[in-house]
Amino acid sequence: MSRWKELPAELHPHVHQLIVRLRRLKDHNELSTRQLATTTGYSAKSWQRYLNGRSLPPREAVDALARAAGDDPARLLVMHEIAAQRWAEGKADTNADDPEDSSPPAQPTPTKQQPYGRHLRAALTAAAVVTMLSVAAALLLAIRLTEARAQLAQDHRHAVPTGPPTVSESLVPVIYSCRLEQRDGRWHANLSPTTDILLSNTHVGLEVAEAQCLLHRAGTAPGDIDGVFGPKTRRAVERMQKQNGLIVNGVIDPPTWQALREATPK
């Protein structure tokens, strides 16, 4: 397995999560950067930058790596879309703080109508940005829910439901069964073995259901075990983090996963 350099600390967690996932695919399939260059069409130096967090890989590069590794690219592309938004926000903040990138504004020709026109243009631009962000968020959530429904339909036959079946084409949430057991001193609900995937509001899927089972076992019940990270789940995470002396942020990060898998019910 490759000895990876530590990723830059300033990377947003969603960007960090995408790069770690790409590294695992490369290692699992024993691919060198030269082999990646041959199979994806992106140079070995480019892949070194992507996998060390110095630049964000293009969407096409992520898709090509997934296919080269024999993995379904749909989930990786959703992760890339989120990471691209965070990457762009980080670059915008950096440029805003760098005086060398700022050039003095051009001096406009004074007119009586100028203040009104300038404020109107700014308001219209802000409204357009808000609308675009709202549409993008709605599309992203729809993609995540569609992906989750396909995953739930595939895995539901392996689970014993705790109540009447609720899976339908209208995407009514599934109620999962928590098959809790302790292995090597760690608790598992047998829905996902993850210990490092970041989970927060709007996330859905088996990883969320695993966390909900462990939260319930730890004494901070999140409500239904439905695989949907909503307000109840966030409040349960915050209570669990507070009880275990962790940073209370409502996000299931690696330290929170560790506490969940080792927790003793309060």
C-alpha atoms as a PDB file:
ATOM      1  CA  MET A   1       0.000   0.000   0.000  1.00  0.00           C
ATOM      2  CA  SER A   2       1.246   3.527  -0.803  1.00  0.00           C
ATOM      3  CA  ARG A   3       2.711   5.681   1.926  1.00  0.00           C
ATOM      4  CA  TRP A   4       0.624   8.802   1.512  1.00  0.00           C
ATOM      5  CA  LYS A   5       1.657  12.261   2.593  1.00  0.00           C
ATOM      6  CA  GLU A   6      -0.604  13.901   5.117  1.00  0.00           C
ATOM      7  CA  LEU A   7      -3.223  16.032   3.360  1.00  0.00           C
ATOM      8  CA  PRO A   8      -3.119  19.823   3.877  1.00  0.00           C
ATOM      9  CA  ALA A   9      -4.863  20.803   7.106  1.00  0.00           C
ATOM     10  CA  GLU A  10      -6.759  23.619   5.379  1.00  0.00           C
ATOM     11  CA  LEU A  11      -8.713  21.228   3.140  1.00  0.00           C
ATOM     12  CA  HIS A  12     -12.462  21.242   3.727  1.00  0.00           C
ATOM     13  CA  PRO A  13     -13.690  17.901   5.223  1.00  0.00           C
ATOM     14  CA  HIS A  14     -15.703  17.110   2.077  1.00  0.00           C
ATOM     15  CA  VAL A  15     -12.614  17.650  -0.130  1.00  0.00           C
ATOM     16  CA  HIS A  16     -10.540  15.576   2.320  1.00  0.00           C
ATOM     17  CA  GLN A  17     -13.132  12.760   2.173  1.00  0.00           C
ATOM     18  CA  LEU A  18     -13.102  12.691  -1.659  1.00  0.00           C
ATOM     19  CA  ILE A  19      -9.283  12.494  -1.875  1.00  0.00           C
ATOM     20  CA  VAL A  20      -9.106   9.731   0.771  1.00  0.00           C
ATOM     21  CA  ARG A  21     -11.684   7.758  -1.235  1.00  0.00           C
ATOM     22  CA  LEU A  22      -9.632   8.180  -4.454  1.00  0.00           C
ATOM     23  CA  ARG A  23      -6.470   7.085  -2.630  1.00  0.00           C
ATOM     24  CA  ARG A  24      -8.209   3.933  -1.382  1.00  0.00           C
ATOM     25  CA  LEU A  25      -9.408   3.028  -4.873  1.00  0.00           C
ATOM     26  CA  LYS A  26      -5.873   3.462  -6.230  1.00  0.00           C
ATOM     27  CA  ASP A  27      -4.320   1.363  -3.434  1.00  0.00           C
ATOM     28  CA  HIS A  28      -6.997  -1.321  -3.532  1.00  0.00           C
ATOM     29  CA  ASN A  29      -6.396  -1.858  -7.254  1.00  0.00           C
ATOM     30  CA  GLU A  30      -2.582  -1.460  -6.903  1.00  0.00           C
ATOM     31  CA  LEU A  31      -2.499   1.268  -9.550  1.00  0.00           C
ATOM     32  CA  SER A  32       0.589   3.456  -9.982  1.00  0.00           C
ATOM     33  CA  THR A  33       0.299   7.083 -11.096  1.00  0.00           C
ATOM     34  CA  ARG A  34       1.744   6.023 -14.480  1.00  0.00           C
ATOM     35  CA  GLN A  35      -0.964   3.390 -14.842  1.00  0.00           C
ATOM     36  CA  LEU A  36      -3.562   6.007 -13.895  1.00  0.00           C
ATOM     37  CA  ALA A  37      -2.133   8.314 -16.556  1.00  0.00           C
ATOM     38  CA  THR A  38      -2.413   5.550 -19.158  1.00  0.00           C
ATOM     39  CA  THR A  39      -5.969   4.495 -18.254  1.00  0.00           C
ATOM     40  CA  THR A  40      -7.484   7.922 -17.531  1.00  0.00           C
ATOM     41  CA  GLY A  41      -5.674  10.262 -19.926  1.00  0.00           C
ATOM     42  CA  TYR A  42      -4.483  12.561 -17.097  1.00  0.00           C
ATOM     43  CA  SER A  43      -0.719  12.793 -16.530  1.00  0.00           C
ATOM     44  CA  ALA A  44       1.090  11.143 -13.623  1.00  0.00           C
ATOM     45  CA  LYS A  45       2.090  14.580 -12.289  1.00  0.00           C
ATOM     46  CA  SER A  46      -1.550  15.670 -12.388  1.00  0.00           C
ATOM     47  CA  TRP A  47      -2.566  12.612 -10.356  1.00  0.00           C
ATOM     48  CA  GLN A  48       0.182  13.361  -7.835  1.00  0.00           C
ATOM     49  CA  ARG A  49      -1.282  16.845  -7.357  1.00  0.00           C
ATOM     50  CA  TYR A  50      -4.850  15.482  -7.108  1.00  0.00           C
ATOM     51  CA  LEU A  51      -4.019  12.730  -4.600  1.00  0.00           C
ATOM     52  CA  ASN A  52      -1.896  15.033  -2.409  1.00  0.00           C
ATOM     53  CA  GLY A  53      -4.601  17.678  -2.146  1.00  0.00           C
ATOM     54  CA  ARG A  54      -2.734  20.381  -4.077  1.00  0.00           C
ATOM     55  CA  SER A  55      -5.451  20.697  -6.703  1.00  0.00           C
ATOM     56  CA  LEU A  56      -8.971  19.348  -7.140  1.00  0.00           C
ATOM     57  CA  PRO A  57      -9.294  16.604  -9.783  1.00  0.00           C
ATOM     58  CA  PRO A  58     -11.724  17.369 -12.634  1.00  0.00           C
ATOM     59  CA  ARG A  59     -15.024  15.520 -12.721  1.00  0.00           C
ATOM     60  CA  GLU A  60     -13.822  13.550 -15.767  1.00  0.00           C
ATOM     61  CA  ALA A  61     -10.689  12.412 -13.906  1.00  0.00           C
ATOM     62  CA  VAL A  62     -12.784  11.123 -10.982  1.00  0.00           C
ATOM     63  CA  ASP A  63     -15.112   9.290 -13.373  1.00  0.00           C
ATOM     64  CA  ALA A  64     -12.138   7.763 -15.227  1.00  0.00           C
ATOM     65  CA  LEU A  65     -10.473   6.575 -11.990  1.00  0.00           C
ATOM     66  CA  ALA A  66     -13.720   4.968 -10.771  1.00  0.00           C
ATOM     67  CA  ARG A  67     -14.138   3.088 -14.026  1.00  0.00           C
ATOM     68  CA  ALA A  68     -10.460   2.058 -14.103  1.00  0.00           C
ATOM     69  CA  ALA A  69     -10.846   0.678 -10.565  1.00  0.00           C
ATOM     70  CA  GLY A  70     -14.062  -1.160 -11.474  1.00  0.00           C
ATOM     71  CA  ASP A  71     -16.140   0.992  -9.109  1.00  0.00           C
ATOM     72  CA  ASP A  72     -19.540   2.600  -9.685  1.00  0.00           C
ATOM     73  CA  PRO A  73     -18.753   6.286 -10.427  1.00  0.00           C
ATOM     74  CA  ALA A  74     -22.175   7.627  -9.345  1.00  0.00           C
ATOM     75  CA  ARG A  75     -21.342   8.028  -5.648  1.00  0.00           C
ATOM     76  CA  LEU A  76     -17.861   9.408  -6.352  1.00  0.00           C
ATOM     77  CA  LEU A  77     -19.319  12.024  -8.698  1.00  0.00           C
ATOM     78  CA  VAL A  78     -21.784  13.166  -6.009  1.00  0.00           C
ATOM     79  CA  MET A  79     -18.859  13.475  -3.557  1.00  0.00           C
ATOM     80  CA  HIS A  80     -16.905  15.404  -6.230  1.00  0.00           C
ATOM     81  CA  GLU A  81     -19.780  17.845  -6.795  1.00  0.00           C
ATOM     82  CA  ILE A  82     -19.910  18.666  -3.079  1.00  0.00           C
ATOM     83  CA  ALA A  83     -16.101  18.902  -2.851  1.00  0.00           C
ATOM     84  CA  ALA A  84     -15.976  21.214  -5.896  1.00  0.00           C
ATOM     85  CA  GLN A  85     -18.385  23.634  -4.212  1.00  0.00           C
ATOM     86  CA  ARG A  86     -16.289  23.655  -1.010  1.00  0.00           C
ATOM     87  CA  TRP A  87     -13.064  24.020  -3.016  1.00  0.00           C
ATOM     88  CA  ALA A  88     -14.466  27.016  -4.906  1.00  0.00           C
ATOM     89  CA  GLU A  89     -15.635  28.614  -1.647  1.00  0.00           C
ATOM     90  CA  GLY A  90     -12.171  28.134  -0.123  1.00  0.00           C
ATOM     91  CA  LYS A  91     -10.473  29.714  -3.142  1.00  0.00           C
ATOM     92  CA  ALA A  92     -12.887  32.653  -3.034  1.00  0.00           C
ATOM     93  CA  ASP A  93     -12.103  33.232   0.663  1.00  0.00           C
ATOM     94  CA  THR A  94      -8.345  33.047  -0.018  1.00  0.00           C
ATOM     95  CA  ASN A  95      -8.547  35.591  -2.826  1.00  0.00           C
ATOM     96  CA  ALA A  96     -10.656  37.890  -0.693  1.00  0.00           C
ATOM     97  CA  ASP A  97      -7.973  37.846   2.045  1.00  0.00           C
ATOM     98  CA  ASP A  98      -5.018  38.340  -0.335  1.00  0.00           C
ATOM     99  CA  PRO A  99      -4.355  42.051  -1.004  1.00  0.00           C
ATOM    100  CA  GLU A 100      -2.096  41.220  -3.968  1.00  0.00           C
ATOM    101  CA  ASP A 101      -5.062  39.754  -5.831  1.00  0.00           C
ATOM    102  CA  SER A 102      -7.140  42.853  -5.286  1.00  0.00           C
ATOM    103  CA  SER A 103      -6.980  45.622  -7.816  1.00  0.00           C
ATOM    104  CA  PRO A 104      -8.308  49.129  -7.155  1.00  0.00           C
ATOM    105  CA  PRO A 105     -11.779  49.653  -8.562  1.00  0.00           C
ATOM    106  CA  ALA A 106     -12.107  51.720 -11.685  1.00  0.00           C
ATOM    107  CA  GLN A 107     -13.279  55.248 -11.100  1.00  0.00           C
ATOM    108  CA  PRO A 108     -16.718  55.573 -12.702  1.00  0.00           C
ATOM    109  CA  THR A 109     -17.883  58.682 -14.417  1.00  0.00           C
ATOM    110  CA  PRO A 110     -20.033  60.489 -11.860  1.00  0.00           C
ATOM    111  CA  THR A 111     -23.678  60.721 -12.813  1.00  0.00           C
ATOM    112  CA  LYS A 112     -26.840  61.333 -10.851  1.00  0.00           C
ATOM    113  CA  GLN A 113     -28.190  57.843 -11.653  1.00  0.00           C
ATOM    114  CA  GLN A 114     -25.021  55.932 -10.728  1.00  0.00           C
ATOM    115  CA  PRO A 115     -25.707  55.066  -7.012  1.00  0.00           C
ATOM    116  CA  TYR A 116     -29.168  53.697  -7.793  1.00  0.00           C
ATOM    117  CA  GLY A 117     -27.966  51.674 -10.788  1.00  0.00           C
ATOM    118  CA  ARG A 118     -25.037  50.225  -8.879  1.00  0.00           C
ATOM    119  CA  HIS A 119     -27.193  49.107  -5.951  1.00  0.00           C
ATOM    120  CA  LEU A 120     -29.812  47.676  -8.308  1.00  0.00           C
ATOM    121  CA  ARG A 121     -27.196  45.623 -10.177  1.00  0.00           C
ATOM    122  CA  ALA A 122     -25.763  44.357  -6.883  1.00  0.00           C
ATOM    123  CA  ALA A 123     -29.220  43.340  -5.642  1.00  0.00           C
ATOM    124  CA  LEU A 124     -30.044  41.548  -8.901  1.00  0.00           C
ATOM    125  CA  THR A 125     -26.689  39.739  -8.860  1.00  0.00           C
ATOM    126  CA  ALA A 126     -27.201  38.633  -5.249  1.00  0.00           C
ATOM    127  CA  ALA A 127     -30.708  37.387  -6.044  1.00  0.00           C
ATOM    128  CA  ALA A 128     -29.410  35.410  -9.026  1.00  0.00           C
ATOM    129  CA  VAL A 129     -26.661  33.826  -6.912  1.00  0.00           C
ATOM    130  CA  VAL A 130     -29.142  32.832  -4.184  1.00  0.00           C
ATOM    131  CA  THR A 131     -31.469  31.308  -6.789  1.00  0.00           C
ATOM    132  CA  MET A 132     -28.639  29.329  -8.408  1.00  0.00           C
ATOM    133  CA  LEU A 133     -27.440  28.033  -5.041  1.00  0.00           C
ATOM    134  CA  SER A 134     -30.968  26.988  -4.074  1.00  0.00           C
ATOM    135  CA  VAL A 135     -31.478  25.115  -7.341  1.00  0.00           C
ATOM    136  CA  ALA A 136     -28.066  23.445  -7.025  1.00  0.00           C
ATOM    137  CA  ALA A 137     -28.819  22.352  -3.449  1.00  0.00           C
ATOM    138  CA  ALA A 138     -32.182  20.915  -4.506  1.00  0.00           C
ATOM    139  CA  LEU A 139     -30.622  19.024  -7.411  1.00  0.00           C
ATOM    140  CA  LEU A 140     -27.843  17.703  -5.183  1.00  0.00           C
ATOM    141  CA  LEU A 141     -30.324  16.447  -2.598  1.00  0.00           C
ATOM    142  CA  ALA A 142     -32.405  14.796  -5.330  1.00  0.00           C
ATOM    143  CA  ILE A 143     -29.301  13.016  -6.664  1.00  0.00           C
ATOM    144  CA  ARG A 144     -28.332  11.829  -3.179  1.00  0.00           C
ATOM    145  CA  LEU A 145     -31.848  10.553  -2.459  1.00  0.00           C
ATOM    146  CA  THR A 146     -32.046   8.755  -5.821  1.00  0.00           C
ATOM    147  CA  GLU A 147     -28.707   7.088  -5.169  1.00  0.00           C
ATOM    148  CA  ALA A 148     -29.778   6.145  -1.654  1.00  0.00           C
ATOM    149  CA  ARG A 149     -33.054   4.641  -2.909  1.00  0.00           C
ATOM    150  CA  ALA A 150     -31.173   2.406  -5.337  1.00  0.00           C
ATOM    151  CA  GLN A 151     -28.792   1.327  -2.591  1.00  0.00           C
ATOM    152  CA  LEU A 152     -31.624   0.704  -0.138  1.00  0.00           C
ATOM    153  CA  ALA A 153     -33.542  -1.399  -2.679  1.00  0.00           C
ATOM    154  CA  GLN A 154     -30.435  -3.509  -3.273  1.00  0.00           C
ATOM    155  CA  ASP A 155     -29.602  -4.080   0.417  1.00  0.00           C
ATOM    156  CA  HIS A 156     -33.085  -4.210   1.922  1.00  0.00           C
ATOM    157  CA  ARG A 157     -33.501  -7.909   1.134  1.00  0.00           C
ATOM    158  CA  HIS A 158     -30.577  -8.706   3.492  1.00  0.00           C
ATOM    159  CA  ALA A 159     -32.147  -6.936   6.494  1.00  0.00           C
ATOM    160  CA  VAL A 160     -34.915  -8.080   8.822  1.00  0.00           C
ATOM    161  CA  PRO A 161     -37.259  -5.079   9.217  1.00  0.00           C
ATOM    162  CA  THR A 162     -38.334  -3.985  12.685  1.00  0.00           C
ATOM    163  CA  GLY A 163     -41.752  -2.889  11.417  1.00  0.00           C
ATOM    164  CA  PRO A 164     -43.967  -3.012   8.302  1.00  0.00           C
ATOM    165  CA  PRO A 165     -42.048  -2.543   5.022  1.00  0.00           C
ATOM    166  CA  THR A 166     -41.874   1.113   4.066  1.00  0.00           C
ATOM    167  CA  VAL A 167     -39.789   1.088   0.847  1.00  0.00           C
ATOM    168  CA  SER A 168     -41.748   2.392  -2.111  1.00  0.00           C
ATOM    169  CA  GLU A 169     -41.094   4.185  -5.371  1.00  0.00           C
ATOM    170  CA  SER A 170     -42.164   7.424  -3.680  1.00  0.00           C
ATOM    171  CA  LEU A 171     -39.028   7.126  -1.487  1.00  0.00           C
ATOM    172  CA  VAL A 172     -40.727   6.571   1.858  1.00  0.00           C
ATOM    173  CA  PRO A 173     -37.785   5.986   4.279  1.00  0.00           C
ATOM    174  CA  VAL A 174     -36.819   2.405   5.148  1.00  0.00           C
ATOM    175  CA  ILE A 175     -36.778   1.296   8.787  1.00  0.00           C
ATOM    176  CA  TYR A 176     -33.555  -0.645   9.356  1.00  0.00           C
ATOM    177  CA  SER A 177     -32.871  -3.485  11.753  1.00  0.00           C
ATOM    178  CA  CYS A 178     -29.986  -2.932  14.186  1.00  0.00           C
ATOM    179  CA  ARG A 179     -28.136  -6.243  14.444  1.00  0.00           C
ATOM    180  CA  LEU A 180     -25.754  -5.115  17.193  1.00  0.00           C
ATOM    181  CA  GLU A 181     -22.744  -7.180  18.152  1.00  0.00           C
ATOM    182  CA  GLN A 182     -19.320  -6.556  19.678  1.00  0.00           C
ATOM    183  CA  ARG A 183     -16.190  -7.634  17.826  1.00  0.00           C
ATOM    184  CA  ASP A 184     -12.660  -6.972  19.072  1.00  0.00           C
ATOM    185  CA  GLY A 185     -13.983  -4.489  21.613  1.00  0.00           C
ATOM    186  CA  ARG A 186     -15.942  -2.480  19.035  1.00  0.00           C
ATOM    187  CA  TRP A 187     -19.686  -2.334  18.463  1.00  0.00           C
ATOM    188  CA  HIS A 188     -21.205  -2.948  15.032  1.00  0.00           C
ATOM    189  CA  ALA A 189     -24.778  -2.812  13.735  1.00  0.00           C
ATOM    190  CA  ASN A 190     -23.782  -4.780  10.597  1.00  0.00           C
ATOM    191  CA  LEU A 191     -24.970  -2.069   8.213  1.00  0.00           C
ATOM    192  CA  SER A 192     -21.617  -0.388   7.457  1.00  0.00           C
ATOM    193  CA  PRO A 193     -18.073  -1.016   8.783  1.00  0.00           C
ATOM    194  CA  THR A 194     -16.969   2.608   8.285  1.00  0.00           C
ATOM    195  CA  THR A 195     -14.960   4.466  10.912  1.00  0.00           C
ATOM    196  CA  ASP A 196     -14.042   7.662   9.063  1.00  0.00           C
ATOM    197  CA  ILE A 197     -16.792   8.778   6.652  1.00  0.00           C
ATOM    198  CA  LEU A 198     -18.044  12.271   7.553  1.00  0.00           C
ATOM    199  CA  LEU A 199     -21.811  12.453   8.055  1.00  0.00           C
ATOM    200  CA  SER A 200     -23.909  15.576   8.568  1.00  0.00           C
ATOM    201  CA  ASN A 201     -27.282  17.098   7.660  1.00  0.00           C
ATOM    202  CA  THR A 202     -28.899  15.794   4.392  1.00  0.00           C
ATOM    203  CA  HIS A 203     -26.686  12.677   4.248  1.00  0.00           C
ATOM    204  CA  VAL A 204     -28.574   9.429   3.647  1.00  0.00           C
ATOM    205  CA  GLY A 205     -27.702   5.762   3.357  1.00  0.00           C
ATOM    206  CA  LEU A 206     -26.382   2.755   5.219  1.00  0.00           C
ATOM    207  CA  GLU A 207     -23.620   4.716   6.991  1.00  0.00           C
ATOM    208  CA  VAL A 208     -26.255   6.995   8.562  1.00  0.00           C
ATOM    209  CA  ALA A 209     -28.334   3.965   9.616  1.00  0.00           C
ATOM    210  CA  GLU A 210     -25.218   2.387  11.204  1.00  0.00           C
ATOM    211  CA  ALA A 211     -24.573   5.589  13.175  1.00  0.00           C
ATOM    212  CA  GLN A 212     -28.230   5.803  14.264  1.00  0.00           C
ATOM    213  CA  CYS A 213     -28.072   2.230  15.616  1.00  0.00           C
ATOM    214  CA  LEU A 214     -24.895   3.029  17.578  1.00  0.00           C
ATOM    215  CA  LEU A 215     -26.388   6.294  18.886  1.00  0.00           C
ATOM    216  CA  HIS A 216     -29.418   4.373  20.148  1.00  0.00           C
ATOM    217  CA  ARG A 217     -27.151   1.817  21.849  1.00  0.00           C
ATOM    218  CA  ALA A 218     -25.105   4.632  23.449  1.00  0.00           C
ATOM    219  CA  GLY A 219     -28.256   6.058  25.058  1.00  0.00           C
ATOM    220  CA  THR A 220     -28.837   9.050  22.761  1.00  0.00           C
ATOM    221  CA  ALA A 221     -31.702   7.784  20.604  1.00  0.00           C
ATOM    222  CA  PRO A 222     -32.042   9.590  17.231  1.00  0.00           C
ATOM    223  CA  GLY A 223     -35.621   8.480  16.536  1.00  0.00           C
ATOM    224  CA  ASP A 224     -36.346   6.037  13.711  1.00  0.00           C
ATOM    225  CA  ILE A 225     -33.438   4.090  12.235  1.00  0.00           C
ATOM    226  CA  ASP A 226     -34.257   5.302   8.724  1.00  0.00           C
ATOM    227  CA  GLY A 227     -30.831   6.131   7.274  1.00  0.00           C
ATOM    228  CA  VAL A 228     -31.695   9.839   6.951  1.00  0.00           C
ATOM    229  CA  PHE A 229     -29.533  12.397   8.795  1.00  0.00           C
ATOM    230  CA  GLY A 230     -32.141  14.892   9.975  1.00  0.00           C
ATOM    231  CA  PRO A 231     -32.608  17.235  12.977  1.00  0.00           C
ATOM    232  CA  LYS A 232     -33.285  14.384  15.459  1.00  0.00           C
ATOM    233  CA  THR A 233     -30.123  12.581  14.441  1.00  0.00           C
ATOM    234  CA  ARG A 234     -28.073  15.788  14.701  1.00  0.00           C
ATOM    235  CA  ARG A 235     -29.375  16.480  18.222  1.00  0.00           C
ATOM    236  CA  ALA A 236     -28.589  12.882  19.225  1.00  0.00           C
ATOM    237  CA  VAL A 237     -25.029  13.283  17.873  1.00  0.00           C
ATOM    238  CA  GLU A 238     -24.564  16.528  19.815  1.00  0.00           C
ATOM    239  CA  ARG A 239     -25.747  14.890  23.058  1.00  0.00           C
ATOM    240  CA  MET A 240     -23.423  11.941  22.517  1.00  0.00           C
ATOM    241  CA  GLN A 241     -20.449  14.239  21.747  1.00  0.00           C
ATOM    242  CA  LYS A 242     -21.115  16.278  24.887  1.00  0.00           C
ATOM    243  CA  GLN A 243     -21.301  13.138  27.057  1.00  0.00           C
ATOM    244  CA  ASN A 244     -17.975  11.892  25.695  1.00  0.00           C
ATOM    245  CA  GLY A 245     -16.060  15.189  25.904  1.00  0.00           C
ATOM    246  CA  LEU A 246     -15.836  15.612  22.128  1.00  0.00           C
ATOM    247  CA  ILE A 247     -16.187  18.758  20.036  1.00  0.00           C
ATOM    248  CA  VAL A 248     -19.949  19.362  19.859  1.00  0.00           C
ATOM    249  CA  ASN A 249     -20.561  20.071  16.163  1.00  0.00           C
ATOM    250  CA  GLY A 250     -23.352  17.642  15.247  1.00  0.00           C
ATOM    251  CA  VAL A 251     -21.117  16.019  12.608  1.00  0.00           C
ATOM    252  CA  ILE A 252     -20.119  12.350  12.777  1.00  0.00           C
ATOM    253  CA  ASP A 253     -16.364  12.517  12.214  1.00  0.00           C
ATOM    254  CA  PRO A 254     -13.640   9.902  12.966  1.00  0.00           C
ATOM    255  CA  PRO A 255     -13.408  10.737  16.729  1.00  0.00           C
ATOM    256  CA  THR A 256     -17.207  10.466  17.000  1.00  0.00           C
ATOM    257  CA  TRP A 257     -17.191   7.129  15.142  1.00  0.00           C
ATOM    258  CA  GLN A 258     -14.571   5.835  17.565  1.00  0.00           C
ATOM    259  CA  ALA A 259     -16.613   6.918  20.566  1.00  0.00           C
ATOM    260  CA  LEU A 260     -19.779   5.363  19.100  1.00  0.00           C
ATOM    261  CA  ARG A 261     -18.096   2.022  18.499  1.00  0.00           C
ATOM    262  CA  GLU A 262     -16.534   1.949  21.984  1.00  0.00           C
ATOM    263  CA  ALA A 263     -19.308   3.675  23.922  1.00  0.00           C
ATOM    264  CA  THR A 264     -20.838   2.341  27.120  1.00  0.00           C
ATOM    265  CA  PRO A 265     -24.535   3.242  27.469  1.00  0.00           C
ATOM    266  CA  LYS A 266     -25.129   6.099  29.939  1.00  0.00           C
END
